[in-house]
């Protein structure tokens, strides 16, 4: 078992896979199912964990092929990952949770909400590719669109993960950085790229589903995110019937750069004051 502050991880079998999880069960509030960002892990939620745990039951998972969880190649697409999330909800008996799925989890959570809204109370997404045509900055745009995946196998994954971690304003603890490096060692990073490389064919499918998603959706984005620009959040908000955008002053990894503001936005999403708003939390 790994312990970081109040976030403790363990492995359990979900959908037949060895999945790394973290849970906080003390609260009688609603359940949040949190999914790992990339190229990070559920330890990215360390800064928001305690505050969220005071108001909700938390279940966090490293998605298959991400973080420290076992990979299964058929799940490395947003639509298939959305189906996986629904199986987790039923298998773990989460009883209509809110899905908090930043970054690569954005499209998966929305596919899940479109497929089975009765199993989900709401969705919190953002900083994930969504717009059609694709609107991404580097290096993500190349990871998605470069026709040659094999050339990335020659790159030391530690260089990629360290470069991403170095963009977090204020830095991250060394033990968390070490976890990210271990999670994407060997071929794990390049194989995880297969997921985002499905964006060109699957984001148009998701676009057709967005107007029919009935559950409330909160889209949290860094106002200065150059990797996944705010245009992706605006694209979703224009098409979803029950959504709002929350802009946080920060870059891509806002859950680590601005944990208090990110936690506030999530808590507001599970106990909204009502109305369709767009706000900037400075």
Protein backbone atom coordinates (compact mmCIF):
# COMPACT_ATOMS: atom_id res chain seq x y z
CA UNK A 1 0.00 0.00 0.00
CA UNK A 2 1.27 3.49 -0.89
CA UNK A 3 0.40 6.45 1.34
CA UNK A 4 0.68 10.10 0.30
CA UNK A 5 -0.81 12.52 2.82
CA UNK A 6 -4.34 11.17 3.35
CA UNK A 7 -4.54 9.44 -0.02
CA UNK A 8 -3.86 5.72 0.27
CA UNK A 9 -3.70 3.46 -2.76
CA UNK A 10 -4.27 -0.23 -3.22
CA UNK A 11 -4.96 -2.61 -6.06
CA UNK A 12 -8.25 -4.33 -6.70
CA UNK A 13 -9.69 -6.31 -9.57
CA UNK A 14 -12.23 -4.41 -11.67
CA UNK A 15 -13.56 -5.71 -14.99
CA UNK A 16 -10.97 -8.48 -14.71
CA UNK A 17 -8.04 -6.03 -14.54
CA UNK A 18 -5.60 -5.11 -11.78
CA UNK A 19 -6.59 -1.50 -11.15
CA UNK A 20 -4.96 0.89 -8.70
CA UNK A 21 -7.51 2.70 -6.58
CA UNK A 22 -7.82 5.05 -3.64
CA UNK A 23 -10.89 5.46 -1.47
CA UNK A 24 -12.18 7.77 1.24
CA UNK A 25 -15.41 6.53 2.76
CA UNK A 26 -15.93 8.74 5.82
CA UNK A 27 -18.36 11.24 4.35
CA UNK A 28 -22.09 10.63 4.01
CA UNK A 29 -22.18 12.92 0.99
CA UNK A 30 -22.45 11.92 -2.65
CA UNK A 31 -19.94 9.59 -4.30
CA UNK A 32 -17.25 10.91 -6.61
CA UNK A 33 -15.53 8.58 -9.07
CA UNK A 34 -12.24 10.27 -9.99
CA UNK A 35 -10.14 9.15 -12.94
CA UNK A 36 -6.41 9.68 -13.40
CA UNK A 37 -5.05 12.44 -15.64
CA UNK A 38 -2.17 11.77 -18.06
CA UNK A 39 0.80 11.41 -17.83
CA UNK A 40 0.05 11.42 -14.12
CA UNK A 41 -1.83 9.07 -11.81
CA UNK A 42 -4.41 9.28 -9.04
CA UNK A 43 -1.68 10.81 -6.86
CA UNK A 44 -2.39 13.98 -8.85
CA UNK A 45 -5.44 14.36 -6.58
CA UNK A 46 -3.35 14.53 -3.40
CA UNK A 47 -3.83 18.29 -3.08
CA UNK A 48 -7.63 18.13 -3.39
CA UNK A 49 -8.19 14.83 -1.61
CA UNK A 50 -8.75 15.94 1.97
CA UNK A 51 -11.11 18.76 1.09
CA UNK A 52 -13.19 16.60 -1.24
CA UNK A 53 -13.27 13.80 1.33
CA UNK A 54 -14.94 16.11 3.84
CA UNK A 55 -17.96 16.44 1.57
CA UNK A 56 -18.09 13.26 -0.49
CA UNK A 57 -17.21 9.59 -0.62
CA UNK A 58 -14.24 9.29 -2.94
CA UNK A 59 -13.25 6.45 -5.24
CA UNK A 60 -10.28 7.21 -7.51
CA UNK A 61 -8.92 4.91 -10.18
CA UNK A 62 -5.94 4.85 -12.48
CA UNK A 63 -7.61 4.11 -15.80
CA UNK A 64 -6.50 0.90 -17.56
CA UNK A 65 -3.18 1.54 -19.27
CA UNK A 66 -2.67 4.76 -17.30
CA UNK A 67 -1.03 5.34 -13.95
CA UNK A 68 -0.21 2.03 -12.32
CA UNK A 69 -3.21 0.09 -13.66
CA UNK A 70 -3.02 -2.92 -15.93
CA UNK A 71 -3.52 -2.22 -19.63
CA UNK A 72 -5.97 -3.92 -21.94
CA UNK A 73 -5.62 -2.78 -25.51
CA UNK A 74 -9.32 -2.93 -26.36
CA UNK A 75 -9.97 -0.24 -23.74
CA UNK A 76 -7.57 2.31 -25.22
CA UNK A 77 -10.21 4.52 -26.79
CA UNK A 78 -12.59 7.07 -25.26
CA UNK A 79 -15.76 5.16 -26.14
CA UNK A 80 -14.45 1.84 -24.78
CA UNK A 81 -13.15 3.59 -21.66
CA UNK A 82 -16.59 5.08 -21.12
CA UNK A 83 -18.04 1.58 -21.16
CA UNK A 84 -15.36 0.54 -18.68
CA UNK A 85 -16.40 3.35 -16.32
CA UNK A 86 -19.98 2.12 -16.38
CA UNK A 87 -18.82 -1.40 -15.54
CA UNK A 88 -16.80 -0.02 -12.62
CA UNK A 89 -19.85 1.85 -11.34
CA UNK A 90 -21.92 -1.32 -11.34
CA UNK A 91 -19.23 -3.73 -10.17
CA UNK A 92 -18.14 -1.48 -7.29
CA UNK A 93 -21.77 -0.63 -6.45
CA UNK A 94 -21.15 3.12 -6.55
CA UNK A 95 -24.85 3.99 -6.86
CA UNK A 96 -25.00 6.85 -9.36
CA UNK A 97 -21.78 8.73 -8.65
CA UNK A 98 -20.53 11.99 -10.02
CA UNK A 99 -17.67 11.24 -12.41
CA UNK A 100 -14.73 13.62 -11.99
CA UNK A 101 -12.66 12.95 -15.09
CA UNK A 102 -10.16 15.62 -16.09
CA UNK A 103 -7.82 15.39 -19.05
CA UNK A 104 -8.07 12.06 -20.94
CA UNK A 105 -11.09 11.12 -18.83
CA UNK A 106 -13.17 13.92 -20.35
CA UNK A 107 -14.31 12.10 -23.48
CA UNK A 108 -14.70 8.76 -21.69
CA UNK A 109 -16.96 10.26 -19.02
CA UNK A 110 -19.10 11.97 -21.65
CA UNK A 111 -19.47 8.74 -23.63
CA UNK A 112 -20.57 7.06 -20.38
CA UNK A 113 -23.09 9.81 -19.65
CA UNK A 114 -24.51 9.55 -23.15
CA UNK A 115 -24.82 5.78 -22.91
CA UNK A 116 -26.30 5.35 -19.45
CA UNK A 117 -27.38 8.62 -17.80
CA UNK A 118 -29.43 6.83 -15.14
CA UNK A 119 -26.20 5.50 -13.62
CA UNK A 120 -24.54 8.91 -13.25
CA UNK A 121 -25.54 11.93 -11.17
CA UNK A 122 -23.29 14.36 -13.00
CA UNK A 123 -19.98 14.79 -14.74
CA UNK A 124 -17.01 17.07 -14.04
CA UNK A 125 -14.58 17.19 -16.96
CA UNK A 126 -12.20 19.60 -18.70
CA UNK A 127 -8.63 19.98 -19.98
CA UNK A 128 -9.36 17.10 -22.33
CA UNK A 129 -9.55 17.08 -26.11
CA UNK A 130 -13.16 17.52 -27.27
CA UNK A 131 -13.42 19.97 -30.15
CA UNK A 132 -13.99 18.94 -33.76
CA UNK A 133 -11.90 19.81 -35.72
CA UNK A 134 -9.23 19.00 -33.16
CA UNK A 135 -7.87 22.04 -31.32
CA UNK A 136 -4.82 21.01 -29.30
CA UNK A 137 -1.44 22.50 -28.53
CA UNK A 138 1.92 20.82 -28.48
CA UNK A 139 3.09 18.27 -27.66
CA UNK A 140 -0.37 16.71 -27.46
CA UNK A 141 -1.34 17.63 -31.02
CA UNK A 142 1.61 15.65 -32.36
CA UNK A 143 0.91 12.70 -30.09
CA UNK A 144 -2.63 12.59 -31.49
CA UNK A 145 -1.96 13.30 -35.16
CA UNK A 146 1.56 12.11 -35.96
CA UNK A 147 1.18 9.10 -38.29
CA UNK A 148 4.38 7.49 -36.95
CA UNK A 149 3.89 6.10 -33.46
CA UNK A 150 7.05 4.02 -33.54
CA UNK A 151 9.40 6.99 -33.43
CA UNK A 152 8.17 7.74 -29.91
CA UNK A 153 9.42 4.35 -28.76
CA UNK A 154 12.97 5.66 -29.10
CA UNK A 155 12.31 8.52 -26.67
CA UNK A 156 13.06 8.02 -22.98
CA UNK A 157 9.61 8.23 -21.34
CA UNK A 158 11.21 9.85 -18.28
CA UNK A 159 12.04 12.87 -20.45
CA UNK A 160 8.40 13.21 -21.47
CA UNK A 161 6.96 12.77 -17.98
CA UNK A 162 9.52 15.09 -16.40
CA UNK A 163 8.83 17.72 -19.04
CA UNK A 164 5.12 17.56 -18.24
CA UNK A 165 5.73 17.69 -14.50
CA UNK A 166 8.02 20.67 -14.91
CA UNK A 167 5.14 22.73 -16.31
CA UNK A 168 3.19 22.54 -13.03
CA UNK A 169 3.46 25.98 -11.44
CA UNK A 170 4.92 25.66 -7.97
CA UNK A 171 6.27 22.18 -8.70
CA UNK A 172 5.15 18.82 -7.37
CA UNK A 173 6.54 16.71 -4.51
CA UNK A 174 9.38 14.42 -5.54
CA UNK A 175 7.59 11.27 -4.33
CA UNK A 176 4.65 12.06 -6.60
CA UNK A 177 6.95 12.78 -9.53
CA UNK A 178 8.67 9.44 -8.87
CA UNK A 179 5.28 7.71 -9.03
CA UNK A 180 4.53 9.27 -12.42
CA UNK A 181 7.92 8.19 -13.75
CA UNK A 182 7.39 4.62 -12.54
CA UNK A 183 3.87 4.50 -13.99
CA UNK A 184 5.04 5.27 -17.52
CA UNK A 185 8.36 3.44 -17.52
CA UNK A 186 9.35 1.14 -20.37
CA UNK A 187 6.71 1.08 -23.11
CA UNK A 188 3.83 2.18 -20.86
CA UNK A 189 3.85 5.78 -22.04
CA UNK A 190 4.00 5.07 -25.75
CA UNK A 191 1.28 2.42 -25.43
CA UNK A 192 -0.93 4.86 -23.51
CA UNK A 193 -0.66 7.21 -26.49
CA UNK A 194 -2.94 4.83 -28.40
CA UNK A 195 -5.87 6.23 -26.43
CA UNK A 196 -5.53 9.86 -27.58
CA UNK A 197 -4.69 8.70 -31.11
CA UNK A 198 -8.31 7.54 -31.33
CA UNK A 199 -9.52 11.14 -30.97
CA UNK A 200 -9.75 11.81 -34.73
CA UNK A 201 -12.27 9.02 -35.24
CA UNK A 202 -14.10 9.08 -31.91
CA UNK A 203 -14.48 12.77 -31.04
CA UNK A 204 -16.82 13.25 -34.05
CA UNK A 205 -18.95 10.38 -32.71
CA UNK A 206 -19.05 12.06 -29.30
CA UNK A 207 -19.99 15.37 -30.92
CA UNK A 208 -23.17 13.81 -32.27
CA UNK A 209 -24.08 12.59 -28.77
CA UNK A 210 -23.44 15.82 -26.83
CA UNK A 211 -26.88 17.44 -27.38
CA UNK A 212 -28.55 14.36 -25.90
CA UNK A 213 -26.54 14.21 -22.66
CA UNK A 214 -29.04 15.06 -19.94
CA UNK A 215 -26.91 14.91 -16.79
CA UNK A 216 -25.34 18.14 -15.50
CA UNK A 217 -21.80 18.70 -16.79
CA UNK A 218 -19.25 21.06 -15.26
CA UNK A 219 -16.26 21.83 -17.49
CA UNK A 220 -13.21 23.05 -15.55
CA UNK A 221 -10.32 24.41 -17.58
CA UNK A 222 -7.16 26.34 -16.94
CA UNK A 223 -7.55 29.79 -18.49
CA UNK A 224 -3.92 29.62 -19.69
CA UNK A 225 -3.92 25.98 -20.80
CA UNK A 226 -1.86 25.81 -23.98
CA UNK A 227 -2.04 22.02 -24.31
CA UNK A 228 -5.85 21.79 -24.31
CA UNK A 229 -7.02 25.35 -25.03
CA UNK A 230 -10.20 26.79 -23.57
CA UNK A 231 -11.80 26.39 -27.00
CA UNK A 232 -12.42 22.74 -26.07
CA UNK A 233 -14.41 23.74 -22.98
CA UNK A 234 -16.37 26.29 -25.00
CA UNK A 235 -17.07 23.68 -27.68
CA UNK A 236 -18.62 21.35 -25.10
CA UNK A 237 -20.60 24.10 -23.39
CA UNK A 238 -22.14 25.21 -26.69
CA UNK A 239 -23.44 21.72 -27.41
CA UNK A 240 -24.36 20.28 -24.02
CA UNK A 241 -27.89 21.10 -22.80
CA UNK A 242 -27.03 21.26 -19.07
CA UNK A 243 -23.49 22.55 -18.65
CA UNK A 244 -21.36 25.34 -17.27
CA UNK A 245 -17.73 26.34 -17.68
CA UNK A 246 -15.43 27.22 -14.79
CA UNK A 247 -12.15 28.85 -15.76
CA UNK A 248 -9.33 28.70 -13.23
CA UNK A 249 -6.32 30.96 -13.60
CA UNK A 250 -3.64 28.42 -14.42
CA UNK A 251 -2.19 26.06 -16.98
CA UNK A 252 -3.02 22.50 -17.93
CA UNK A 253 -2.55 20.67 -14.62
CA UNK A 254 -4.91 22.88 -12.60
CA UNK A 255 -5.77 20.21 -9.99
CA UNK A 256 -2.11 20.41 -8.93
CA UNK A 257 -1.45 24.09 -9.66
CA UNK A 258 -4.57 25.39 -7.92
CA UNK A 259 -5.92 22.55 -5.74
CA UNK A 260 -8.10 24.73 -3.52
CA UNK A 261 -9.81 26.38 -6.48
CA UNK A 262 -10.17 23.08 -8.30
CA UNK A 263 -11.70 21.43 -5.22
CA UNK A 264 -14.10 24.37 -4.82
CA UNK A 265 -15.24 23.98 -8.42
CA UNK A 266 -15.83 20.24 -7.96
CA UNK A 267 -17.75 20.75 -4.71
CA UNK A 268 -19.90 23.41 -6.36
CA UNK A 269 -20.65 20.93 -9.15
CA UNK A 270 -22.05 18.38 -6.71
CA UNK A 271 -24.05 21.00 -4.80
CA UNK A 272 -24.69 23.65 -7.46
CA UNK A 273 -26.29 26.98 -6.69
CA UNK A 274 -28.22 26.71 -9.92
CA UNK A 275 -28.10 28.46 -13.23
CA UNK A 276 -25.89 28.30 -16.28
CA UNK A 277 -22.80 30.36 -15.52
CA UNK A 278 -19.26 30.86 -16.67
CA UNK A 279 -16.87 31.98 -13.92
CA UNK A 280 -13.21 32.70 -13.42
CA UNK A 281 -11.73 31.72 -10.05
CA UNK A 282 -8.70 33.96 -9.46
